[in-house]
Structure formats: C-alpha cells, structure tokens
Amino acid sequence: MKAPFPAGKLPAGLLERLLARLEGHPRLAQGPRVGVDAAVIEMGDRLLVAKSDPVTFVEERIGWYAVHVNANDVACTGAAPLWFLMTLLLPGGRADREMAETVFEDARAACRALGVTLCGGHTEITAGLPRPIVCGHMLGEVPREGLIRGDGARPGDAILLTRAVPVEGTAILAQAKGEALAAALGPELIRRARGYLEDPGLSVVGAALAAARTGRVHAMHDPTEGGLATGLRELAQAAGLGALVEEEAIPLAPEGAALCRALGLDPLGVITSGALLLAVPPEGEEEVRRALASTGAMGARIGTMGGRGAGVLLRRGNETRPLPRYDSDEIARVL
C-alpha cells in the first residue's frame, strides 16, 4: 500500500514533473515553475500578473488572510495588486449568515487597505468541510520594464530578509495554543504574539513595491507554508542556483521563537507570510535597504546566492550543513 502524502505542499520533485507536462502559450511571459508564485501574461505595453492561493490553516479572519497572501505574491513581481476574486467554501452544517458576513467583511477590509477591488468569485456551502476555506485569486499589472521575475536571482546576489520570522505562524500558534501555554510563557507574550496579524502584519506589498522601484532587485519571494527554509529553497530552485545562508544572521521574532521552543518546532519551518526575501546585486544592496527602511521594513542580509549545483546550505560558525527541508509546515505537527 502506498503511503499518502502528509498535509502541506506537494513534493517539489513531483510538482516539477507535473508542471513540465503543461503546454505553454505565446503570450505567457512567466509560466508555472517551482518557486515561481505568479503567472505573467503579455497585454500590450503592460503585463498582467495573476496569482491563486488558498487559506486552509485557520478559520479566524480567513478573508483577510486570503487577500494579503495573494497580494503579496503579485507585488513580488513588481506589480500593483488591483483585482481580487474569492471562492468561498463554507462548511455544511455550520454555515450561517454571521459566518458569511464575517468572511466578506474581512476580505473587504483587506482590499480597502491595499486599494484592491473585490471583483468576483464564487460562494458555496460544501458538505464535508470542517471549517471555511477561501481560494483567492489576485490580478495586478506592471509596466513591461518593471517586471521582476521569480527566477531572476543570480550567483553572488545578496539575500535580504525584511522581517524577523516567523510572522504569520506566530499569530496562528498563539491563537491555537496560547491558552495552554500562557502559564509557562506569560499572558503578555501570548497577547503580543496574537497581535502579529496586525503588527507587523502579513502584507509585504509596500516593501516589495518600494524595493522594485529602485530597479536593483533581481528576484523577490514571499515565504509562506514551510517557512523561511522552504522560501529560501524555492528562491534558489526557481533560478536553478544554490545558496549559502548564515544561520546567526536570521532575525527571529522573540514571541515566535518562544512559542516554537515550547512546542518543539523549528521556527525556520513555520509559515511566515509577512516576511519578504529579495535577491539583490551587492552594488544595489544599500539602495534597496534604504527603500525597505522607508516602509518600516528591515533589510537584513542573511546569505548569498551560489552557483548551479552548489546546494542550499546553512552555515553556523565553522559548521555547514544542508538547509532543512519542510515539505509539511511545522505547525501541522501541533494543529
């Protein structure tokens, strides 16, 4: 009997083989690849950027999550997110007016904050679901010369990180396990951790677009499920490169790190929407860092892109080892 896959992303090797079978299109400027999170379609003098992503881990504020995670990936191409479509699946036997209105209001509030229009989608009450699921679809546009490709990283690029990690995972863990951990970690830490949805928040749109305007960025990636470790692997895999990551240079969110220690999780494998990875040539690093700072984001240099076949490595002191792989997000072990 074949063992089923664990919850999480499809294994990267399988996904790569499945995507390789797909047909292209003459107007498809950027198609599906592992580590490339948005499609880019030729539309004359401008490019249409299209992204699709579900939210399945949480129920609270699911509409708000869905807008932001989709907008982030559109912004990573240098495009402004503009139009959002939402497929809302509500659980049979539980769905009511309040549940539907809450999801819509959260999505509407997130769209309003980003200047996005909720322009369509689908709603359904679905048998067999334990909780609501939102599948989001975001469209944006970018001038042809402003496109930042998901596979654009180059050997020698500095790898910058905009926020301490994990971001989203800190809020999810505090919401799900905070009551049980409050005695050990303190109610004030749990309160701050739950607040990560708002501060620092999940959006990387402002930071990504500010960095893109410098013209110095080779690639950007929003690490989500599987955490920073998976995001770094995807950034490297998309470009067919390796990477050397300095473990001691990675900023860890104190609340997130405390929650992960208490639960026995690796913070590098915990979902971290709200952080942004950038591949930047050394000569443009300071300019990009200043642009990020103007939005309140940091530009911590955590590593360097390597050559083809170099592997994705994590260095601490004199010890170098392969960066851990998380095909299933760490929080799946406790939720």
Protein backbone atom coordinates (compact mmCIF):
# COMPACT_ATOMS: atom_id res chain seq x y z
CA MET A 1 0.00 0.00 0.00
CA LYS A 2 1.37 3.39 -0.96
CA ALA A 3 1.81 5.89 1.86
CA PRO A 4 -0.24 9.07 1.39
CA PHE A 5 1.43 12.45 1.36
CA PRO A 6 1.41 14.45 4.59
CA ALA A 7 -0.57 17.69 4.76
CA GLY A 8 1.26 20.53 3.03
CA LYS A 9 2.75 21.20 -0.35
CA LEU A 10 3.21 18.52 -3.00
CA PRO A 11 6.79 17.21 -3.03
CA ALA A 12 8.83 19.61 -5.16
CA GLY A 13 10.12 16.86 -7.47
CA LEU A 14 6.61 15.62 -8.25
CA LEU A 15 5.30 19.13 -8.81
CA GLU A 16 8.21 19.87 -11.13
CA ARG A 17 7.37 16.81 -13.24
CA LEU A 18 3.67 17.69 -13.38
CA LEU A 19 4.37 21.28 -14.44
CA ALA A 20 6.81 20.11 -17.12
CA ARG A 21 3.92 18.38 -18.92
CA LEU A 22 1.92 21.58 -19.36
CA GLU A 23 1.65 23.38 -22.67
CA GLY A 24 2.88 26.95 -22.99
CA HIS A 25 1.31 29.95 -24.73
CA PRO A 26 2.94 32.64 -26.89
CA ARG A 27 1.67 35.39 -24.54
CA LEU A 28 2.69 33.65 -21.33
CA ALA A 29 5.74 35.62 -20.22
CA GLN A 30 6.18 33.70 -16.96
CA GLY A 31 4.59 30.32 -16.52
CA PRO A 32 4.35 27.83 -13.65
CA ARG A 33 7.57 26.62 -12.02
CA VAL A 34 8.55 25.51 -8.54
CA GLY A 35 9.37 28.67 -6.61
CA VAL A 36 7.57 30.97 -9.07
CA ASP A 37 4.33 32.10 -7.47
CA ALA A 38 2.57 34.17 -10.13
CA ALA A 39 1.85 33.93 -13.84
CA VAL A 40 2.69 36.86 -16.13
CA ILE A 41 0.69 37.41 -19.33
CA GLU A 42 1.51 39.79 -22.18
CA MET A 43 -1.12 42.55 -22.53
CA GLY A 44 0.43 45.00 -24.99
CA ASP A 45 2.54 47.67 -23.29
CA ARG A 46 1.70 46.25 -19.84
CA LEU A 47 1.85 42.84 -18.23
CA LEU A 48 -0.98 41.15 -16.36
CA VAL A 49 0.12 39.29 -13.22
CA ALA A 50 -2.17 36.52 -11.94
CA LYS A 51 -1.93 34.67 -8.63
CA SER A 52 -4.03 31.98 -6.93
CA ASP A 53 -3.63 30.79 -3.34
CA PRO A 54 -5.97 29.22 -0.74
CA VAL A 55 -6.10 29.71 3.01
CA THR A 56 -6.66 26.42 4.83
CA PHE A 57 -4.78 26.55 8.16
CA VAL A 58 -7.06 28.96 10.03
CA GLU A 59 -10.70 30.00 10.32
CA GLU A 60 -10.49 33.32 12.14
CA ARG A 61 -10.10 36.27 9.70
CA ILE A 62 -9.75 33.92 6.75
CA GLY A 63 -10.98 36.52 4.24
CA TRP A 64 -8.36 39.00 5.45
CA TYR A 65 -5.61 36.37 5.17
CA ALA A 66 -6.64 35.41 1.65
CA VAL A 67 -6.39 38.93 0.26
CA HIS A 68 -2.98 39.59 1.77
CA VAL A 69 -1.28 36.30 0.84
CA ASN A 70 -2.37 36.67 -2.78
CA ALA A 71 -1.48 40.36 -2.97
CA ASN A 72 1.99 39.61 -1.61
CA ASP A 73 2.88 37.28 -4.45
CA VAL A 74 1.62 39.72 -7.08
CA ALA A 75 3.74 42.50 -5.55
CA CYS A 76 6.81 40.24 -5.64
CA THR A 77 6.79 40.66 -9.43
CA GLY A 78 6.85 44.46 -9.09
CA ALA A 79 3.14 44.65 -9.98
CA ALA A 80 0.49 46.55 -8.06
CA PRO A 81 -2.31 44.20 -6.90
CA LEU A 82 -5.61 45.56 -8.22
CA TRP A 83 -8.41 42.98 -8.54
CA PHE A 84 -9.36 40.11 -6.22
CA LEU A 85 -11.66 37.15 -6.87
CA MET A 86 -12.72 34.97 -3.94
CA THR A 87 -14.02 31.41 -3.97
CA LEU A 88 -15.61 30.88 -0.56
CA LEU A 89 -16.44 27.36 0.57
CA LEU A 90 -18.49 27.32 3.79
CA PRO A 91 -18.85 24.13 5.86
CA GLY A 92 -22.16 22.32 5.56
CA GLY A 93 -23.94 22.03 8.89
CA ARG A 94 -22.15 25.07 10.34
CA ALA A 95 -22.52 27.88 7.81
CA ASP A 96 -24.82 30.73 8.75
CA ARG A 97 -25.36 34.39 7.96
CA GLU A 98 -22.83 35.59 10.53
CA MET A 99 -20.06 33.33 9.18
CA ALA A 100 -20.60 34.50 5.59
CA GLU A 101 -20.78 38.17 6.55
CA THR A 102 -17.62 37.93 8.67
CA VAL A 103 -15.55 36.44 5.84
CA PHE A 104 -16.81 39.03 3.35
CA GLU A 105 -16.21 41.94 5.72
CA ASP A 106 -12.66 40.81 6.46
CA ALA A 107 -11.91 40.43 2.75
CA ARG A 108 -13.45 43.82 2.02
CA ALA A 109 -11.38 45.49 4.75
CA ALA A 110 -8.15 43.97 3.46
CA CYS A 111 -8.97 45.01 -0.12
CA ARG A 112 -9.72 48.55 1.02
CA ALA A 113 -6.38 48.76 2.87
CA LEU A 114 -4.48 47.75 -0.29
CA GLY A 115 -6.52 49.67 -2.86
CA VAL A 116 -7.80 46.40 -4.35
CA THR A 117 -11.28 45.77 -5.80
CA LEU A 118 -13.11 42.55 -4.93
CA CYS A 119 -14.50 41.96 -8.41
CA GLY A 120 -15.86 38.43 -8.49
CA GLY A 121 -15.63 34.80 -7.43
CA HIS A 122 -17.94 32.08 -6.15
CA THR A 123 -19.68 31.09 -2.92
CA GLU A 124 -20.83 27.64 -1.85
CA ILE A 125 -21.91 25.64 1.19
CA THR A 126 -19.90 22.44 0.89
CA ALA A 127 -20.55 19.13 2.62
CA GLY A 128 -17.67 17.51 4.49
CA LEU A 129 -15.65 20.62 5.35
CA PRO A 130 -14.65 21.10 9.00
CA ARG A 131 -14.18 24.87 8.55
CA PRO A 132 -14.41 27.58 5.87
CA ILE A 133 -11.86 27.58 3.05
CA VAL A 134 -11.09 30.58 0.85
CA CYS A 135 -9.36 30.22 -2.50
CA GLY A 136 -8.15 33.65 -3.55
CA HIS A 137 -7.21 34.91 -7.00
CA MET A 138 -5.39 38.24 -7.36
CA LEU A 139 -4.69 40.18 -10.54
CA GLY A 140 -2.31 43.10 -10.96
CA GLU A 141 -0.38 44.86 -13.66
CA VAL A 142 3.12 46.16 -14.18
CA PRO A 143 4.91 48.02 -17.00
CA ARG A 144 6.97 45.64 -19.09
CA GLU A 145 10.24 47.22 -17.94
CA GLY A 146 9.23 46.93 -14.27
CA LEU A 147 8.73 43.15 -14.15
CA ILE A 148 10.76 41.24 -11.56
CA ARG A 149 10.88 37.57 -12.47
CA GLY A 150 10.58 34.84 -9.87
CA ASP A 151 13.55 33.04 -11.43
CA GLY A 152 15.74 36.14 -11.72
CA ALA A 153 18.23 35.59 -8.88
CA ARG A 154 21.90 35.49 -9.95
CA PRO A 155 25.06 33.99 -8.42
CA GLY A 156 26.60 36.39 -5.92
CA ASP A 157 23.34 38.20 -5.14
CA ALA A 158 22.83 39.19 -1.52
CA ILE A 159 19.79 37.57 0.09
CA LEU A 160 17.87 40.13 2.15
CA LEU A 161 15.06 39.46 4.63
CA THR A 162 12.58 42.17 5.62
CA ARG A 163 11.20 40.91 8.95
CA ALA A 164 12.03 38.63 11.86
CA VAL A 165 10.48 35.19 11.40
CA PRO A 166 8.05 33.55 11.78
CA VAL A 167 5.37 36.20 11.27
CA GLU A 168 2.08 34.50 10.38
CA GLY A 169 2.98 31.32 12.26
CA THR A 170 3.49 33.27 15.48
CA ALA A 171 -0.09 34.53 15.36
CA ILE A 172 -1.53 31.13 14.39
CA LEU A 173 0.31 29.29 17.18
CA ALA A 174 -0.67 31.90 19.76
CA GLN A 175 -4.31 31.67 18.72
CA ALA A 176 -4.37 27.86 18.69
CA LYS A 177 -2.10 27.08 21.67
CA GLY A 178 -1.90 30.33 23.60
CA GLU A 179 -4.33 29.37 26.36
CA ALA A 180 -2.39 26.18 27.11
CA LEU A 181 0.98 27.97 27.07
CA ALA A 182 0.02 31.17 28.86
CA ALA A 183 1.11 29.87 32.29
CA ALA A 184 4.57 28.90 31.02
CA LEU A 185 5.22 31.83 28.67
CA GLY A 186 3.11 34.53 30.26
CA PRO A 187 -0.16 36.07 29.08
CA GLU A 188 1.56 39.24 27.84
CA LEU A 189 3.77 37.28 25.41
CA ILE A 190 0.71 35.43 24.12
CA ARG A 191 -1.15 38.72 23.66
CA ARG A 192 1.73 40.20 21.65
CA ALA A 193 2.03 37.05 19.55
CA ARG A 194 -1.67 37.10 18.67
CA GLY A 195 -1.21 40.69 17.57
CA TYR A 196 1.26 39.71 14.83
CA LEU A 197 -1.63 39.69 12.34
CA GLU A 198 -1.74 43.49 12.71
CA ASP A 199 1.78 44.31 13.89
CA PRO A 200 3.94 43.68 11.96
CA GLY A 201 1.10 42.26 9.83
CA LEU A 202 1.08 39.92 6.84
CA SER A 203 1.41 42.39 3.98
CA VAL A 204 4.72 42.78 2.12
CA VAL A 205 3.16 44.87 -0.66
CA GLY A 206 4.59 48.22 0.42
CA ALA A 207 8.10 46.85 0.94
CA ALA A 208 8.07 44.86 -2.32
CA LEU A 209 6.90 47.77 -4.46
CA ALA A 210 9.35 50.19 -2.82
CA ALA A 211 12.23 47.79 -3.48
CA ALA A 212 11.04 47.20 -7.05
CA ARG A 213 11.10 50.93 -7.80
CA THR A 214 14.88 51.02 -7.21
CA GLY A 215 15.41 48.90 -10.32
CA ARG A 216 18.03 46.96 -8.35
CA VAL A 217 16.13 43.79 -7.41
CA HIS A 218 16.74 40.56 -9.35
CA ALA A 219 14.07 38.44 -7.59
CA MET A 220 11.64 38.51 -4.67
CA HIS A 221 9.81 35.71 -2.90
CA ASP A 222 7.21 35.67 -0.12
CA PRO A 223 7.98 32.63 2.09
CA THR A 224 4.74 31.09 3.30
CA GLU A 225 3.96 27.45 4.05
CA GLY A 226 7.11 25.59 5.07
CA GLY A 227 8.58 28.77 6.48
CA LEU A 228 11.76 30.64 5.69
CA ALA A 229 13.65 27.42 4.95
CA THR A 230 11.20 26.45 2.20
CA GLY A 231 11.10 30.02 0.86
CA LEU A 232 14.89 30.05 0.52
CA ARG A 233 14.86 26.70 -1.27
CA GLU A 234 12.17 27.94 -3.65
CA LEU A 235 14.06 31.17 -4.37
CA ALA A 236 17.14 29.14 -5.28
CA GLN A 237 15.29 26.40 -7.17
CA ALA A 238 13.40 28.86 -9.34
CA ALA A 239 16.70 30.26 -10.62
CA GLY A 240 18.45 26.89 -10.74
CA LEU A 241 21.02 28.10 -8.21
CA GLY A 242 22.38 27.30 -4.78
CA ALA A 243 22.51 29.49 -1.70
CA LEU A 244 24.61 29.87 1.43
CA VAL A 245 22.54 31.07 4.39
CA GLU A 246 24.10 32.38 7.61
CA GLU A 247 22.01 30.96 10.47
CA GLU A 248 23.18 33.54 13.01
CA ALA A 249 22.15 36.39 10.67
CA ILE A 250 18.50 35.28 10.55
CA PRO A 251 16.41 37.53 12.81
CA LEU A 252 13.94 35.51 14.91
CA ALA A 253 10.77 37.03 16.31
CA PRO A 254 11.09 36.65 20.09
CA GLU A 255 7.45 35.67 20.59
CA GLY A 256 7.57 33.21 17.70
CA ALA A 257 10.83 31.71 18.89
CA ALA A 258 9.42 31.23 22.40
CA LEU A 259 6.28 29.53 21.09
CA CYS A 260 8.35 27.25 18.84
CA ARG A 261 10.65 26.25 21.72
CA ALA A 262 7.67 25.43 23.92
CA LEU A 263 6.09 23.30 21.18
CA GLY A 264 9.29 21.69 19.88
CA LEU A 265 9.12 23.33 16.44
CA ASP A 266 11.84 24.77 14.22
CA PRO A 267 10.97 28.44 13.60
CA LEU A 268 12.62 28.21 10.17
CA GLY A 269 9.93 25.72 9.11
CA VAL A 270 6.90 27.67 10.39
CA ILE A 271 4.66 29.56 7.95
CA THR A 272 5.89 33.15 7.73
CA SER A 273 3.72 35.24 5.43
CA GLY A 274 4.64 38.83 6.20
CA ALA A 275 8.36 38.37 5.56
CA LEU A 276 9.94 39.02 2.17
CA LEU A 277 13.06 37.57 0.59
CA LEU A 278 14.97 39.59 -2.00
CA ALA A 279 17.92 38.69 -4.25
CA VAL A 280 19.90 41.87 -4.84
CA PRO A 281 23.27 42.54 -6.51
CA PRO A 282 25.88 43.73 -3.97
CA GLU A 283 26.19 47.11 -5.69
CA GLY A 284 22.47 47.75 -5.20
CA GLU A 285 22.18 46.42 -1.67
CA GLU A 286 22.33 49.73 0.19
CA GLU A 287 19.86 51.42 -2.14
CA VAL A 288 17.37 48.59 -1.69
CA ARG A 289 17.89 48.60 2.06
CA ARG A 290 17.09 52.32 2.20
CA ALA A 291 13.93 51.75 0.15
CA LEU A 292 12.84 49.00 2.52
CA ALA A 293 13.55 51.17 5.56
CA SER A 294 11.27 53.87 4.14
CA THR A 295 8.36 51.41 4.57
CA GLY A 296 9.38 50.29 8.06
CA ALA A 297 10.93 47.02 6.86
CA MET A 298 14.44 45.81 7.59
CA GLY A 299 16.91 44.58 5.01
CA ALA A 300 18.90 42.00 6.96
CA ARG A 301 21.48 40.23 4.82
CA ILE A 302 21.12 36.55 5.66
CA GLY A 303 23.08 34.91 2.84
CA THR A 304 24.34 34.83 -0.72
CA MET A 305 23.11 33.12 -3.86
CA GLY A 306 25.50 30.44 -5.09
CA GLY A 307 26.19 28.84 -8.44
CA ARG A 308 24.40 25.96 -10.09
CA GLY A 309 24.83 22.70 -8.24
CA ALA A 310 26.08 24.46 -5.10
CA GLY A 311 23.17 23.27 -2.96
CA VAL A 312 21.19 25.28 -0.43
CA LEU A 313 23.33 25.35 2.71
CA LEU A 314 23.02 26.68 6.23
CA ARG A 315 26.19 27.83 8.00
CA ARG A 316 26.66 28.38 11.71
CA GLY A 317 30.20 29.23 12.78
CA ASN A 318 32.51 26.72 11.10
CA GLU A 319 29.77 24.15 10.51
CA THR A 320 27.90 23.99 7.19
CA ARG A 321 25.00 21.64 6.54
CA PRO A 322 22.09 21.37 4.09
CA LEU A 323 19.27 23.77 4.87
CA PRO A 324 16.44 21.76 6.49
CA ARG A 325 13.59 20.77 4.17
CA TYR A 326 9.96 21.12 5.27
CA ASP A 327 7.53 19.61 2.77
CA SER A 328 4.91 19.88 5.53
CA ASP A 329 4.78 23.06 7.58
CA GLU A 330 5.99 22.67 11.15
CA ILE A 331 2.70 23.95 12.59
CA ALA A 332 0.90 20.98 11.04
CA ARG A 333 2.52 18.87 13.76
CA VAL A 334 0.63 20.65 16.55
CA LEU A 335 -2.62 21.78 14.89
